[in-house]
């Protein structure tokens, strides 16, 4: 699934936002569910290569570290969604997540081709993955990724494989045009609903043109306020089922440490 993901830090009021439009083939069944334990929350999907339960597509932990990912190309290597889950379970911030990833890659671990977007209180980064190769982009304001790499030299290979490279580039370029102007939550919701010049495979809100094309099936936004009296981040998970230009977003409070009642309330609120 190519998907569209990114992060930004709003200045007034100061909040960290991480977001994702999850795209899947119109002909493929969409199956996912919530993962919620004492210190970590996220959305878990199914690995389309193996058919088994995958790691997290997007999530946040008690430290206020949030991660979202996008697919570039599925391979026989372990999914980057499993790496996403490990980082959310054990990393404290984006820099910590990067160090853990580099350590794994140096030990000859390889992952499917993808992009990890990490955001914490004051910075964001993207880790581009292709097997055991990687590249990094740091930012203090905003990062975006879709279904291709920007830093790694994989363009020609993706073009040769017919991976929709041009459509992916159009999505990320349109995304950057909009996120540079974003100063509020509403601006980011508008970004996730955007069609640019028209709804298509290259619009951020992706619309299927045929059974073998992709469509946005879920839209997610995690809102993190680090400026709290308790010192614990205030977190709200916003989710819309279906194409976000038509679906309504549901707000789900995420509380850490989470008990069974808190977890059950989140599951109840999550769109079925």
Protein backbone atom coordinates (compact mmCIF):
# COMPACT_ATOMS: atom_id res chain seq x y z
CA UNK A 1 0.00 0.00 0.00
CA UNK A 2 1.63 3.28 -1.06
CA UNK A 3 0.00 5.49 1.61
CA UNK A 4 0.75 9.11 2.48
CA UNK A 5 2.25 10.09 5.84
CA UNK A 6 3.89 13.04 7.49
CA UNK A 7 4.39 15.14 10.58
CA UNK A 8 4.46 18.81 11.53
CA UNK A 9 4.83 20.89 14.67
CA UNK A 10 2.24 23.64 15.03
CA UNK A 11 3.47 26.78 16.75
CA UNK A 12 0.36 28.40 18.29
CA UNK A 13 -0.67 26.49 20.25
CA UNK A 14 2.43 24.28 20.01
CA UNK A 15 1.47 20.70 19.16
CA UNK A 16 3.10 17.80 17.39
CA UNK A 17 0.93 16.22 14.69
CA UNK A 18 1.60 12.99 12.82
CA UNK A 19 -0.81 11.77 10.17
CA UNK A 20 -1.42 9.12 7.55
CA UNK A 21 -3.81 8.28 4.73
CA UNK A 22 -3.75 4.51 4.47
CA UNK A 23 -4.25 3.33 0.89
CA UNK A 24 -5.12 -0.17 -0.23
CA UNK A 25 -6.13 -1.90 -3.45
CA UNK A 26 -9.86 -1.57 -3.99
CA UNK A 27 -10.04 -5.32 -4.66
CA UNK A 28 -8.19 -6.22 -1.42
CA UNK A 29 -10.01 -6.73 1.89
CA UNK A 30 -9.17 -4.12 4.53
CA UNK A 31 -8.45 -5.61 7.94
CA UNK A 32 -6.94 -3.80 10.89
CA UNK A 33 -7.43 -3.26 14.60
CA UNK A 34 -6.12 -1.38 17.58
CA UNK A 35 -3.06 -2.28 19.59
CA UNK A 36 -3.18 -0.72 23.06
CA UNK A 37 -1.10 -1.68 26.05
CA UNK A 38 0.03 0.14 29.17
CA UNK A 39 2.60 2.37 27.43
CA UNK A 40 1.93 2.15 23.68
CA UNK A 41 -0.97 2.64 21.24
CA UNK A 42 -1.30 2.05 17.51
CA UNK A 43 -3.11 0.59 14.52
CA UNK A 44 -2.12 -2.91 13.44
CA UNK A 45 -2.69 -4.28 9.95
CA UNK A 46 -2.11 -7.41 7.89
CA UNK A 47 1.11 -7.93 5.93
CA UNK A 48 -0.04 -8.32 2.31
CA UNK A 49 3.02 -10.39 1.39
CA UNK A 50 2.71 -13.07 4.08
CA UNK A 51 -0.96 -12.71 5.07
CA UNK A 52 0.07 -12.67 8.73
CA UNK A 53 -0.50 -9.99 11.35
CA UNK A 54 1.90 -7.12 10.76
CA UNK A 55 3.28 -4.52 13.10
CA UNK A 56 1.97 -0.99 13.54
CA UNK A 57 1.02 1.32 10.68
CA UNK A 58 0.89 4.37 12.96
CA UNK A 59 1.17 4.80 16.71
CA UNK A 60 2.34 6.75 19.75
CA UNK A 61 3.88 5.90 23.11
CA UNK A 62 3.81 7.32 26.63
CA UNK A 63 6.81 9.57 25.94
CA UNK A 64 4.93 11.31 23.13
CA UNK A 65 7.02 9.71 20.37
CA UNK A 66 4.80 9.09 17.34
CA UNK A 67 5.63 7.06 14.22
CA UNK A 68 3.86 6.48 10.90
CA UNK A 69 5.09 4.56 7.88
CA UNK A 70 4.53 4.23 4.13
CA UNK A 71 5.17 1.34 1.78
CA UNK A 72 7.62 1.64 -1.10
CA UNK A 73 7.95 -2.02 -2.11
CA UNK A 74 7.11 -5.29 -0.40
CA UNK A 75 9.84 -7.92 -0.31
CA UNK A 76 10.55 -11.19 1.52
CA UNK A 77 12.28 -9.26 4.33
CA UNK A 78 10.46 -8.51 7.62
CA UNK A 79 8.01 -5.63 7.45
CA UNK A 80 9.03 -2.14 8.53
CA UNK A 81 5.74 -2.17 10.49
CA UNK A 82 7.38 -4.61 12.92
CA UNK A 83 10.27 -2.17 13.33
CA UNK A 84 7.73 0.61 13.94
CA UNK A 85 6.20 -1.42 16.75
CA UNK A 86 9.57 -2.16 18.34
CA UNK A 87 10.55 1.50 18.29
CA UNK A 88 7.28 2.57 19.89
CA UNK A 89 7.70 -0.06 22.58
CA UNK A 90 11.26 0.91 23.52
CA UNK A 91 12.32 4.33 22.14
CA UNK A 92 11.89 7.58 24.08
CA UNK A 93 12.23 10.09 21.23
CA UNK A 94 13.02 10.35 17.52
CA UNK A 95 16.79 10.33 18.02
CA UNK A 96 16.53 7.23 20.20
CA UNK A 97 14.39 5.55 17.51
CA UNK A 98 16.99 6.37 14.87
CA UNK A 99 19.84 4.95 16.99
CA UNK A 100 17.92 1.70 17.55
CA UNK A 101 17.19 1.38 13.81
CA UNK A 102 20.81 1.99 12.77
CA UNK A 103 21.99 -0.54 15.36
CA UNK A 104 19.68 -3.19 13.89
CA UNK A 105 20.77 -2.45 10.32
CA UNK A 106 24.44 -2.66 11.32
CA UNK A 107 23.73 -6.14 12.71
CA UNK A 108 22.64 -7.21 9.18
CA UNK A 109 18.89 -6.88 9.73
CA UNK A 110 16.95 -6.05 6.55
CA UNK A 111 13.44 -4.66 6.09
CA UNK A 112 10.94 -4.24 3.30
CA UNK A 113 11.25 -0.99 1.38
CA UNK A 114 9.45 1.81 3.15
CA UNK A 115 9.61 5.12 5.00
CA UNK A 116 9.34 5.68 8.75
CA UNK A 117 8.22 9.14 9.90
CA UNK A 118 9.16 9.82 13.55
CA UNK A 119 8.06 12.89 15.52
CA UNK A 120 8.58 14.00 19.11
CA UNK A 121 8.30 17.24 21.07
CA UNK A 122 10.74 19.34 19.06
CA UNK A 123 11.91 17.47 15.96
CA UNK A 124 10.95 15.09 13.18
CA UNK A 125 12.85 12.72 10.96
CA UNK A 126 12.32 10.22 8.16
CA UNK A 127 14.18 6.92 7.96
CA UNK A 128 14.08 5.58 4.41
CA UNK A 129 14.58 1.80 4.29
CA UNK A 130 15.52 -0.54 1.44
CA UNK A 131 16.74 -3.90 2.70
CA UNK A 132 19.66 -3.07 4.99
CA UNK A 133 20.29 0.28 3.32
CA UNK A 134 18.90 3.50 4.77
CA UNK A 135 18.95 7.27 4.59
CA UNK A 136 17.82 9.98 7.00
CA UNK A 137 16.11 13.36 6.73
CA UNK A 138 15.87 15.63 9.81
CA UNK A 139 13.50 18.58 10.22
CA UNK A 140 12.25 20.92 12.95
CA UNK A 141 9.07 21.87 11.07
CA UNK A 142 7.66 19.22 8.72
CA UNK A 143 8.33 15.95 6.86
CA UNK A 144 6.26 14.00 4.31
CA UNK A 145 6.58 10.69 2.47
CA UNK A 146 4.48 8.67 0.05
CA UNK A 147 5.28 5.54 -1.99
CA UNK A 148 8.85 6.32 -3.00
CA UNK A 149 12.20 7.32 -1.53
CA UNK A 150 13.53 10.87 -1.74
CA UNK A 151 17.01 10.36 -0.26
CA UNK A 152 17.83 6.80 -1.39
CA UNK A 153 18.73 6.27 -5.07
CA UNK A 154 15.87 3.89 -5.95
CA UNK A 155 13.96 5.93 -8.56
CA UNK A 156 14.97 4.00 -11.66
CA UNK A 157 14.32 0.63 -10.04
CA UNK A 158 10.82 1.74 -8.94
CA UNK A 159 10.09 3.09 -12.42
CA UNK A 160 11.23 -0.18 -14.02
CA UNK A 161 8.98 -2.12 -11.63
CA UNK A 162 5.97 0.06 -12.48
CA UNK A 163 5.53 1.20 -8.88
CA UNK A 164 3.57 4.38 -9.68
CA UNK A 165 6.55 6.63 -9.10
CA UNK A 166 5.16 9.69 -10.88
CA UNK A 167 1.86 9.54 -8.98
CA UNK A 168 3.74 9.25 -5.70
CA UNK A 169 5.90 12.28 -6.53
CA UNK A 170 2.80 14.34 -7.34
CA UNK A 171 1.26 13.45 -3.98
CA UNK A 172 4.29 14.44 -1.94
CA UNK A 173 4.80 17.67 -3.91
CA UNK A 174 1.17 18.65 -3.37
CA UNK A 175 1.51 17.69 0.28
CA UNK A 176 4.52 19.95 0.80
CA UNK A 177 2.72 22.84 -0.93
CA UNK A 178 -0.08 22.51 1.63
CA UNK A 179 1.85 21.61 4.79
CA UNK A 180 4.10 24.67 4.40
CA UNK A 181 0.97 26.80 4.87
CA UNK A 182 -0.57 24.72 7.66
CA UNK A 183 -0.96 26.56 10.96
CA UNK A 184 -3.89 24.72 12.55
CA UNK A 185 -5.47 21.29 13.00
CA UNK A 186 -8.10 22.19 10.41
CA UNK A 187 -5.37 22.84 7.85
CA UNK A 188 -3.99 19.34 8.37
CA UNK A 189 -7.45 17.76 8.12
CA UNK A 190 -7.88 19.68 4.84
CA UNK A 191 -4.56 18.25 3.68
CA UNK A 192 -5.76 14.69 4.30
CA UNK A 193 -8.99 15.40 2.35
CA UNK A 194 -7.25 17.16 -0.54
CA UNK A 195 -7.78 16.27 -4.22
CA UNK A 196 -5.53 18.88 -5.83
CA UNK A 197 -6.55 19.08 -9.48
CA UNK A 198 -9.00 16.20 -9.08
CA UNK A 199 -9.56 12.92 -7.24
CA UNK A 200 -7.23 10.26 -8.65
CA UNK A 201 -4.33 7.95 -7.82
CA UNK A 202 -2.10 11.00 -7.45
CA UNK A 203 -4.36 12.96 -5.06
CA UNK A 204 -3.60 12.93 -1.34
CA UNK A 205 -7.13 11.66 -0.68
CA UNK A 206 -6.61 8.78 -3.09
CA UNK A 207 -9.56 7.54 -5.18
CA UNK A 208 -9.60 4.22 -7.02
CA UNK A 209 -10.15 4.37 -10.78
CA UNK A 210 -10.56 0.60 -11.16
CA UNK A 211 -10.57 -2.62 -9.12
CA UNK A 212 -6.78 -2.92 -9.45
CA UNK A 213 -6.07 0.64 -8.24
CA UNK A 214 -5.62 2.13 -4.79
CA UNK A 215 -7.98 4.07 -2.55
CA UNK A 216 -7.62 5.70 0.86
CA UNK A 217 -9.48 3.38 3.24
CA UNK A 218 -8.50 4.97 6.58
CA UNK A 219 -7.21 8.39 7.61
CA UNK A 220 -5.36 8.97 10.89
CA UNK A 221 -4.05 11.97 12.79
CA UNK A 222 -2.33 11.84 16.19
CA UNK A 223 -2.36 15.12 18.13
CA UNK A 224 0.23 15.47 20.90
CA UNK A 225 0.39 18.36 23.36
CA UNK A 226 3.61 18.24 25.39
CA UNK A 227 2.89 21.47 27.30
CA UNK A 228 0.92 20.04 30.23
CA UNK A 229 1.05 20.63 33.97
CA UNK A 230 1.41 16.93 34.69
CA UNK A 231 4.46 16.61 32.44
CA UNK A 232 2.73 13.78 30.56
CA UNK A 233 1.80 14.42 26.92
CA UNK A 234 -1.90 14.92 26.19
CA UNK A 235 -2.71 12.70 23.21
CA UNK A 236 -5.78 12.50 20.95
CA UNK A 237 -6.10 9.99 18.11
CA UNK A 238 -8.33 11.13 15.23
CA UNK A 239 -9.54 8.48 12.77
CA UNK A 240 -11.86 8.39 9.75
CA UNK A 241 -12.97 5.19 8.03
CA UNK A 242 -13.22 5.44 4.25
CA UNK A 243 -12.11 8.23 1.96
CA UNK A 244 -11.56 11.21 4.27
CA UNK A 245 -13.23 13.68 1.90
CA UNK A 246 -16.53 11.98 2.80
CA UNK A 247 -15.91 10.33 6.18
CA UNK A 248 -16.10 12.03 9.58
CA UNK A 249 -13.17 11.93 12.00
CA UNK A 250 -13.70 10.38 15.43
CA UNK A 251 -11.56 11.70 18.31
CA UNK A 252 -10.27 9.06 20.74
CA UNK A 253 -8.37 10.18 23.89
CA UNK A 254 -5.19 8.14 24.44
CA UNK A 255 -4.12 7.89 28.07
CA UNK A 256 -0.94 6.40 29.53
CA UNK A 257 -0.51 4.38 31.62
CA UNK A 258 -3.59 2.64 30.21
CA UNK A 259 -5.78 0.23 32.13
CA UNK A 260 -8.37 -2.19 30.77
CA UNK A 261 -11.22 0.33 30.99
CA UNK A 262 -9.26 2.94 29.00
CA UNK A 263 -8.31 0.35 26.37
CA UNK A 264 -11.89 -0.90 26.00
CA UNK A 265 -13.18 2.67 25.59
CA UNK A 266 -10.75 3.25 22.71
CA UNK A 267 -11.78 0.00 21.01
CA UNK A 268 -15.45 0.95 21.38
CA UNK A 269 -14.89 4.37 19.79
CA UNK A 270 -12.78 3.09 16.88
CA UNK A 271 -14.89 3.02 13.66
CA UNK A 272 -16.03 -0.47 12.72
